[in-house]
């Protein structure tokens, strides 16, 4: 039989809305965006889930005006 790889995945929410999935790879997390408001962060790697959530919060705050226009 082949070797089974178990990936650690976690749904990431912002303001109560799922915006993506974090996949643990090695010592960091790869973000897979599922909402347009965070697509710029898609495929980026983060050292921790806290770093990922902070990046999402900051990104949404920076682009709030652009999204409203």
C-alpha atoms as a PDB file:
ATOM      1  CA  UNK A   1       0.000   0.000   0.000  1.00  0.00           C
ATOM      2  CA  UNK A   2       1.033   3.587  -0.604  1.00  0.00           C
ATOM      3  CA  UNK A   3       1.816   6.002   2.129  1.00  0.00           C
ATOM      4  CA  UNK A   4      -1.130   8.066   3.364  1.00  0.00           C
ATOM      5  CA  UNK A   5      -0.530  11.767   3.913  1.00  0.00           C
ATOM      6  CA  UNK A   6      -2.817  13.525   6.357  1.00  0.00           C
ATOM      7  CA  UNK A   7      -3.012  17.277   5.835  1.00  0.00           C
ATOM      8  CA  UNK A   8      -4.000  19.512   8.669  1.00  0.00           C
ATOM      9  CA  UNK A   9      -6.625  21.943   7.330  1.00  0.00           C
ATOM     10  CA  UNK A  10      -8.624  24.640   9.050  1.00  0.00           C
ATOM     11  CA  UNK A  11     -11.400  26.919   7.841  1.00  0.00           C
ATOM     12  CA  UNK A  12     -10.472  30.568   8.337  1.00  0.00           C
ATOM     13  CA  UNK A  13     -13.231  33.063   9.069  1.00  0.00           C
ATOM     14  CA  UNK A  14     -13.267  36.840   9.111  1.00  0.00           C
ATOM     15  CA  UNK A  15     -16.184  38.667  10.758  1.00  0.00           C
ATOM     16  CA  UNK A  16     -18.017  35.360  11.017  1.00  0.00           C
ATOM     17  CA  UNK A  17     -17.727  34.560   7.298  1.00  0.00           C
ATOM     18  CA  UNK A  18     -15.520  31.737   5.957  1.00  0.00           C
ATOM     19  CA  UNK A  19     -12.929  33.377   3.685  1.00  0.00           C
ATOM     20  CA  UNK A  20     -10.484  30.535   3.093  1.00  0.00           C
ATOM     21  CA  UNK A  21      -8.672  27.452   4.250  1.00  0.00           C
ATOM     22  CA  UNK A  22      -5.292  27.176   5.952  1.00  0.00           C
ATOM     23  CA  UNK A  23      -3.313  24.051   5.087  1.00  0.00           C
ATOM     24  CA  UNK A  24      -0.418  23.190   7.379  1.00  0.00           C
ATOM     25  CA  UNK A  25       2.660  22.320   5.353  1.00  0.00           C
ATOM     26  CA  UNK A  26       5.819  21.708   7.279  1.00  0.00           C
ATOM     27  CA  UNK A  27       6.195  24.451   9.833  1.00  0.00           C
ATOM     28  CA  UNK A  28       3.952  26.995   8.164  1.00  0.00           C
ATOM     29  CA  UNK A  29       0.439  27.480   6.771  1.00  0.00           C
ATOM     30  CA  UNK A  30      -0.582  27.993   3.154  1.00  0.00           C
ATOM     31  CA  UNK A  31      -3.727  30.058   2.678  1.00  0.00           C
ATOM     32  CA  UNK A  32      -6.295  29.127   0.038  1.00  0.00           C
ATOM     33  CA  UNK A  33      -8.739  31.991  -0.462  1.00  0.00           C
ATOM     34  CA  UNK A  34     -12.389  31.275  -1.251  1.00  0.00           C
ATOM     35  CA  UNK A  35     -13.678  34.861  -1.073  1.00  0.00           C
ATOM     36  CA  UNK A  36     -12.779  37.644  -3.476  1.00  0.00           C
ATOM     37  CA  UNK A  37     -12.104  40.135  -0.664  1.00  0.00           C
ATOM     38  CA  UNK A  38      -8.980  38.142   0.341  1.00  0.00           C
ATOM     39  CA  UNK A  39      -7.903  36.767  -3.056  1.00  0.00           C
ATOM     40  CA  UNK A  40      -4.680  38.817  -2.917  1.00  0.00           C
ATOM     41  CA  UNK A  41      -3.562  36.599  -0.020  1.00  0.00           C
ATOM     42  CA  UNK A  42      -4.233  33.356  -1.927  1.00  0.00           C
ATOM     43  CA  UNK A  43      -1.336  30.852  -1.855  1.00  0.00           C
ATOM     44  CA  UNK A  44       0.694  32.959   0.591  1.00  0.00           C
ATOM     45  CA  UNK A  45       2.451  31.180   3.443  1.00  0.00           C
ATOM     46  CA  UNK A  46       2.297  32.260   7.064  1.00  0.00           C
ATOM     47  CA  UNK A  47       4.295  31.215  10.129  1.00  0.00           C
ATOM     48  CA  UNK A  48       1.175  30.804  12.268  1.00  0.00           C
ATOM     49  CA  UNK A  49      -2.605  30.999  12.154  1.00  0.00           C
ATOM     50  CA  UNK A  50      -2.368  34.207  14.163  1.00  0.00           C
ATOM     51  CA  UNK A  51      -0.144  35.736  11.455  1.00  0.00           C
ATOM     52  CA  UNK A  52      -2.651  34.624   8.812  1.00  0.00           C
ATOM     53  CA  UNK A  53      -5.642  36.065  10.650  1.00  0.00           C
ATOM     54  CA  UNK A  54      -3.766  39.329  11.245  1.00  0.00           C
ATOM     55  CA  UNK A  55      -2.904  39.580   7.545  1.00  0.00           C
ATOM     56  CA  UNK A  56      -6.548  39.011   6.614  1.00  0.00           C
ATOM     57  CA  UNK A  57      -7.777  41.615   9.091  1.00  0.00           C
ATOM     58  CA  UNK A  58      -5.226  44.177   7.866  1.00  0.00           C
ATOM     59  CA  UNK A  59      -5.908  43.423   4.196  1.00  0.00           C
ATOM     60  CA  UNK A  60      -9.668  43.785   4.576  1.00  0.00           C
ATOM     61  CA  UNK A  61      -9.252  47.020   6.567  1.00  0.00           C
ATOM     62  CA  UNK A  62      -6.919  48.495   3.918  1.00  0.00           C
ATOM     63  CA  UNK A  63      -9.251  47.584   1.090  1.00  0.00           C
ATOM     64  CA  UNK A  64     -12.584  48.361   2.737  1.00  0.00           C
ATOM     65  CA  UNK A  65     -12.839  51.690   0.924  1.00  0.00           C
ATOM     66  CA  UNK A  66     -11.957  50.100  -2.402  1.00  0.00           C
ATOM     67  CA  UNK A  67     -14.591  47.389  -1.941  1.00  0.00           C
ATOM     68  CA  UNK A  68     -17.270  49.937  -1.077  1.00  0.00           C
ATOM     69  CA  UNK A  69     -16.572  52.062  -4.171  1.00  0.00           C
END
